[in-house]
Amino acid sequence: MNKFLPLLILVALLGCDEDGTATIDVVKKRVNNQIQTLVGRGDIALQKYDNKIKKVKNDLVKVKVSRKTFEQKLANKKSSLANL
């Protein structure tokens, strides 16, 4: 990772034209491949799966909360209409 830092600084100084962005993309892919080789692709896949489960659970909680608030607002609206 440290050997790519000067290259990234050089690319940043040259500007981000098409060649610069392509160089950054290539460096990013190589670093990702090195990390995946160190950690292992199976571990990364498991972590991605765990992250997806956490995201789905968080979204489910948000849906439940918004449903409860909607039901409360609906009940208030019905009662206010009944009072008219």
C-alpha atoms as a PDB file:
ATOM      1  CA  MET A   1       0.000   0.000   0.000  1.00  0.00           C
ATOM      2  CA  ASN A   2       2.821   2.387   0.871  1.00  0.00           C
ATOM      3  CA  LYS A   3       4.444   1.900  -2.521  1.00  0.00           C
ATOM      4  CA  PHE A   4       1.272   3.160  -4.236  1.00  0.00           C
ATOM      5  CA  LEU A   5       1.045   6.360  -2.198  1.00  0.00           C
ATOM      6  CA  PRO A   6       3.651   8.326  -4.220  1.00  0.00           C
ATOM      7  CA  LEU A   7       1.929   7.229  -7.413  1.00  0.00           C
ATOM      8  CA  LEU A   8      -1.411   8.447  -6.138  1.00  0.00           C
ATOM      9  CA  ILE A   9       0.087  11.788  -5.117  1.00  0.00           C
ATOM     10  CA  LEU A  10       1.678  12.139  -8.565  1.00  0.00           C
ATOM     11  CA  VAL A  11      -1.612  11.379 -10.292  1.00  0.00           C
ATOM     12  CA  ALA A  12      -3.444  13.839  -8.059  1.00  0.00           C
ATOM     13  CA  LEU A  13      -0.931  16.557  -8.913  1.00  0.00           C
ATOM     14  CA  LEU A  14      -1.234  15.894 -12.645  1.00  0.00           C
ATOM     15  CA  GLY A  15      -4.982  16.259 -12.499  1.00  0.00           C
ATOM     16  CA  CYS A  16      -7.782  13.861 -13.031  1.00  0.00           C
ATOM     17  CA  ASP A  17      -8.099  13.588 -16.783  1.00  0.00           C
ATOM     18  CA  GLU A  18      -9.025  10.301 -18.443  1.00  0.00           C
ATOM     19  CA  ASP A  19      -5.536   8.847 -18.023  1.00  0.00           C
ATOM     20  CA  GLY A  20      -5.411   9.907 -14.389  1.00  0.00           C
ATOM     21  CA  THR A  21      -8.764   8.364 -13.533  1.00  0.00           C
ATOM     22  CA  ALA A  22      -7.834   5.192 -15.429  1.00  0.00           C
ATOM     23  CA  THR A  23      -4.578   4.978 -13.478  1.00  0.00           C
ATOM     24  CA  ILE A  24      -6.411   5.442 -10.198  1.00  0.00           C
ATOM     25  CA  ASP A  25      -8.903   2.717 -11.171  1.00  0.00           C
ATOM     26  CA  VAL A  26      -6.090   0.295 -12.024  1.00  0.00           C
ATOM     27  CA  VAL A  27      -4.292   1.017  -8.748  1.00  0.00           C
ATOM     28  CA  LYS A  28      -7.549   0.587  -6.848  1.00  0.00           C
ATOM     29  CA  LYS A  29      -8.191  -2.808  -8.475  1.00  0.00           C
ATOM     30  CA  ARG A  30      -4.661  -3.980  -7.709  1.00  0.00           C
ATOM     31  CA  VAL A  31      -4.907  -2.912  -4.076  1.00  0.00           C
ATOM     32  CA  ASN A  32      -8.310  -4.609  -3.771  1.00  0.00           C
ATOM     33  CA  ASN A  33      -6.902  -7.799  -5.290  1.00  0.00           C
ATOM     34  CA  GLN A  34      -3.957  -7.745  -2.875  1.00  0.00           C
ATOM     35  CA  ILE A  35      -6.287  -7.253   0.083  1.00  0.00           C
ATOM     36  CA  GLN A  36      -8.561 -10.054  -1.116  1.00  0.00           C
ATOM     37  CA  THR A  37      -5.561 -12.335  -1.501  1.00  0.00           C
ATOM     38  CA  LEU A  38      -4.417 -11.545   2.045  1.00  0.00           C
ATOM     39  CA  VAL A  39      -7.817 -11.870   3.682  1.00  0.00           C
ATOM     40  CA  GLY A  40      -9.403 -14.470   1.483  1.00  0.00           C
ATOM     41  CA  ARG A  41     -12.336 -14.159  -0.868  1.00  0.00           C
ATOM     42  CA  GLY A  42     -14.553 -16.379   1.282  1.00  0.00           C
ATOM     43  CA  ASP A  43     -14.161 -14.120   4.302  1.00  0.00           C
ATOM     44  CA  ILE A  44     -14.995 -11.085   2.191  1.00  0.00           C
ATOM     45  CA  ALA A  45     -18.099 -12.798   0.800  1.00  0.00           C
ATOM     46  CA  LEU A  46     -19.253 -13.686   4.319  1.00  0.00           C
ATOM     47  CA  GLN A  47     -18.740 -10.112   5.495  1.00  0.00           C
ATOM     48  CA  LYS A  48     -20.683  -8.756   2.516  1.00  0.00           C
ATOM     49  CA  TYR A  49     -23.508 -11.167   3.375  1.00  0.00           C
ATOM     50  CA  ASP A  50     -23.493 -10.049   7.024  1.00  0.00           C
ATOM     51  CA  ASN A  51     -23.528  -6.397   5.964  1.00  0.00           C
ATOM     52  CA  LYS A  52     -26.488  -7.062   3.666  1.00  0.00           C
ATOM     53  CA  ILE A  53     -28.407  -8.763   6.505  1.00  0.00           C
ATOM     54  CA  LYS A  54     -27.745  -5.778   8.803  1.00  0.00           C
ATOM     55  CA  LYS A  55     -28.943  -3.368   6.114  1.00  0.00           C
ATOM     56  CA  VAL A  56     -32.143  -5.348   5.533  1.00  0.00           C
ATOM     57  CA  LYS A  57     -32.837  -5.479   9.286  1.00  0.00           C
ATOM     58  CA  ASN A  58     -32.318  -1.718   9.598  1.00  0.00           C
ATOM     59  CA  ASP A  59     -34.662  -1.097   6.682  1.00  0.00           C
ATOM     60  CA  LEU A  60     -37.240  -3.411   8.266  1.00  0.00           C
ATOM     61  CA  VAL A  61     -37.103  -1.447  11.516  1.00  0.00           C
ATOM     62  CA  LYS A  62     -37.610   1.787   9.566  1.00  0.00           C
ATOM     63  CA  VAL A  63     -40.645   0.319   7.806  1.00  0.00           C
ATOM     64  CA  LYS A  64     -42.149  -0.823  11.110  1.00  0.00           C
ATOM     65  CA  VAL A  65     -41.625   2.608  12.673  1.00  0.00           C
ATOM     66  CA  SER A  66     -43.067   4.450   9.690  1.00  0.00           C
ATOM     67  CA  ARG A  67     -46.058   2.072   9.700  1.00  0.00           C
ATOM     68  CA  LYS A  68     -46.749   2.812  13.365  1.00  0.00           C
ATOM     69  CA  THR A  69     -46.532   6.566  12.861  1.00  0.00           C
ATOM     70  CA  PHE A  70     -48.775   6.301   9.801  1.00  0.00           C
ATOM     71  CA  GLU A  71     -51.352   4.312  11.772  1.00  0.00           C
ATOM     72  CA  GLN A  72     -51.289   6.924  14.546  1.00  0.00           C
ATOM     73  CA  LYS A  73     -51.744   9.761  12.070  1.00  0.00           C
ATOM     74  CA  LEU A  74     -54.561   7.873  10.360  1.00  0.00           C
ATOM     75  CA  ALA A  75     -56.332   7.258  13.666  1.00  0.00           C
ATOM     76  CA  ASN A  76     -55.987  10.954  14.560  1.00  0.00           C
ATOM     77  CA  LYS A  77     -57.357  11.955  11.170  1.00  0.00           C
ATOM     78  CA  LYS A  78     -60.326   9.570  11.515  1.00  0.00           C
ATOM     79  CA  SER A  79     -61.137  10.892  14.976  1.00  0.00           C
ATOM     80  CA  SER A  80     -60.912  14.511  13.813  1.00  0.00           C
ATOM     81  CA  LEU A  81     -63.197  13.748  10.868  1.00  0.00           C
ATOM     82  CA  ALA A  82     -65.654  11.946  13.150  1.00  0.00           C
ATOM     83  CA  ASN A  83     -65.798  15.004  15.424  1.00  0.00           C
ATOM     84  CA  LEU A  84     -66.879  17.221  12.526  1.00  0.00           C
END
